[in-house]
Structures are given as C-alpha cells and as structure tokens.
Protein backbone atom coordinates (compact mmCIF):
# COMPACT_ATOMS: atom_id res chain seq x y z
CA MET A 1 7.89 18.41 16.13
CA GLN A 2 10.20 15.63 17.35
CA LYS A 3 13.85 15.45 16.36
CA SER A 4 13.54 11.96 14.88
CA SER A 5 10.64 13.09 12.71
CA ILE A 6 12.67 16.00 11.35
CA PHE A 7 15.70 13.78 10.66
CA ASN A 8 13.47 11.19 9.00
CA ARG A 9 11.90 13.80 6.72
CA ILE A 10 15.30 15.25 5.81
CA ALA A 11 16.69 11.77 5.08
CA LEU A 12 13.65 10.91 2.97
CA ALA A 13 13.90 14.17 1.00
CA VAL A 14 17.63 13.75 0.34
CA LEU A 15 17.15 10.11 -0.60
CA SER A 16 14.31 10.98 -2.98
CA ILE A 17 16.37 13.65 -4.72
CA MET A 18 19.35 11.32 -5.04
CA VAL A 19 17.27 8.41 -6.36
CA ILE A 20 15.70 10.69 -8.98
CA GLY A 21 19.19 11.89 -9.96
CA VAL A 22 20.52 8.34 -10.21
CA LEU A 23 17.54 7.24 -12.33
CA TYR A 24 18.02 10.28 -14.56
CA SER A 25 21.68 9.41 -15.14
CA PHE A 26 20.78 5.75 -15.78
CA ILE A 27 18.22 6.66 -18.42
CA TRP A 28 19.76 9.67 -20.17
CA HIS A 29 23.49 9.12 -19.78
CA LYS A 30 23.46 5.28 -19.78
CA GLU A 31 25.59 5.15 -16.59
CA SER A 32 25.84 1.98 -14.54
CA PHE A 33 25.78 1.41 -10.79
CA ASP A 34 29.36 2.67 -10.46
CA ARG A 35 28.59 5.85 -8.53
CA PRO A 36 31.00 8.24 -6.79
CA ILE A 37 31.83 7.32 -3.19
CA TRP A 38 30.28 10.47 -1.69
CA ILE A 39 26.90 9.68 -3.27
CA GLN A 40 27.05 6.15 -1.89
CA VAL A 41 27.92 7.46 1.58
CA VAL A 42 25.02 9.94 1.59
CA MET A 43 22.58 7.29 0.37
CA THR A 44 23.88 4.85 2.99
CA PHE A 45 23.29 7.44 5.72
CA CYS A 46 19.76 8.10 4.47
CA PHE A 47 18.88 4.42 4.33
CA LEU A 48 20.38 3.94 7.80
CA MET A 49 18.20 6.72 9.22
CA LEU A 50 15.11 5.22 7.60
CA SER A 51 16.00 1.76 8.88
CA LEU A 52 16.52 2.96 12.45
CA ASN A 53 13.27 4.90 12.36
CA ASN A 54 11.35 1.87 11.12
CA PHE A 55 12.81 -0.29 13.89
CA ARG A 56 11.88 2.38 16.42
CA LEU A 57 8.30 2.39 15.08
CA LYS A 58 8.27 -1.44 15.24
CA LYS A 59 7.91 -1.77 11.47
CA TYR A 60 10.42 -4.59 11.41
CA ALA A 61 9.91 -5.75 7.80
CA MET A 62 10.74 -2.33 6.34
CA GLY A 63 13.51 -1.86 8.89
CA TRP A 64 15.21 -5.08 7.76
CA ILE A 65 14.77 -4.20 4.09
CA PHE A 66 16.47 -0.83 4.60
CA ALA A 67 19.13 -2.46 6.79
CA GLY A 68 19.87 -4.87 3.92
CA VAL A 69 20.28 -1.92 1.57
CA VAL A 70 22.67 -0.32 4.08
CA VAL A 71 24.75 -3.51 4.16
CA ALA A 72 24.80 -3.62 0.34
CA PHE A 73 26.00 0.00 0.18
CA VAL A 74 28.66 -0.60 2.85
CA ILE A 75 29.97 -3.58 0.87
CA SER A 76 29.94 -1.45 -2.31
CA ILE A 77 31.83 1.38 -0.59
CA PHE A 78 34.34 -1.06 0.90
CA TRP A 79 34.78 -2.75 -2.50
CA ASP A 80 35.31 0.61 -4.26
CA THR A 81 37.82 1.90 -1.72
CA THR A 82 39.90 -1.29 -1.50
CA ALA A 83 39.93 -2.14 -5.22
CA ILE A 84 43.37 -2.05 -6.75
C-alpha cells in the first residue's frame, strides 16, 4: 500500500471521528462553532491532507473545496489566537 493512501485513510478516519464529535456537541450540548484550538488544528491538518491528495489525483474541484476549508480554519485559528 502506498504512503499517501495510508495517510489519506488516517486523515479521513480522524476527520470523520472529529466531525461526528462536533455534531454531537452541537446537537446535545448546544455548543457553537467556538472550538478549542487543538481540535481546529487537527481538523485543518486533515482537510489539508485531503486537499493535497485530491490535487494529486487531479480532482481539482474537491481539492479547491477542501483548500477553502483549510483557509477558513487557518483564519479561525489566527482569529482565536490573536483575539484580545
């Protein structure tokens, strides 16, 4: 099995678990999008891996969608860390 395939599967599994956890907290605990920084960093990494893999496979539409999500998370992390 190729390294990129293994990394892609790991990123997809971690992302799936985290999305299910976020949805659970949204529904049951009525939390908003204000998530801890470490969760945002892990989700950013997972979306970045998926984006790079889609670009490598020449699936440009999905690659740009995931890249947009990465940019949104980076802005969110920057906003959270620089907020006074």
